[in-house]
Amino acid sequence: MQVRNSLKVLKKLPGSQVVRRRGRVYVINKQNPRWNTRQG
């Protein structure tokens, strides 16, 4: 899982969902798991 400062670009990818868990922002992409990321 990547850790990035900004998830703005990743929000636009097809199949991506933005989820908040335990105060952190994650992008989960089941179509292409390569783009699973956490903001931090």
Protein backbone atom coordinates (compact mmCIF):
# COMPACT_ATOMS: atom_id res chain seq x y z
CA MET A 1 0.00 0.00 0.00
CA GLN A 2 1.30 3.42 -0.96
CA VAL A 3 1.33 6.31 1.50
CA ARG A 4 0.79 9.65 -0.21
CA ASN A 5 0.25 13.27 0.76
CA SER A 6 -2.55 13.83 -1.75
CA LEU A 7 -5.18 11.39 -3.03
CA LYS A 8 -6.74 13.83 -5.48
CA VAL A 9 -5.44 12.06 -8.60
CA LEU A 10 -6.37 8.60 -7.31
CA LYS A 11 -10.00 9.56 -6.62
CA LYS A 12 -10.60 9.91 -10.35
CA LEU A 13 -9.37 6.45 -11.34
CA PRO A 14 -12.11 4.00 -12.37
CA GLY A 15 -13.26 1.72 -9.57
CA SER A 16 -11.75 3.71 -6.72
CA GLN A 17 -13.55 4.41 -3.44
CA VAL A 18 -12.52 6.90 -0.78
CA VAL A 19 -12.97 5.50 2.73
CA ARG A 20 -12.24 6.93 6.17
CA ARG A 21 -11.06 4.43 8.77
CA ARG A 22 -9.70 5.31 12.22
CA GLY A 23 -9.12 8.91 11.20
CA ARG A 24 -7.13 8.03 8.10
CA VAL A 25 -8.23 8.43 4.50
CA TYR A 26 -7.83 5.41 2.22
CA VAL A 27 -8.43 4.88 -1.47
CA ILE A 28 -9.51 1.31 -2.19
CA ASN A 29 -9.59 0.08 -5.77
CA LYS A 30 -10.81 -3.46 -6.34
CA GLN A 31 -10.51 -3.25 -10.11
CA ASN A 32 -6.81 -2.44 -9.88
CA PRO A 33 -5.40 -3.15 -6.36
CA ARG A 34 -2.15 -1.49 -7.41
CA TRP A 35 -3.76 1.85 -6.50
CA ASN A 36 -4.66 1.00 -2.89
CA THR A 37 -3.34 3.95 -0.92
CA ARG A 38 -3.42 5.70 2.42
CA GLN A 39 -3.12 9.40 3.05
CA GLY A 40 -0.43 10.32 5.53
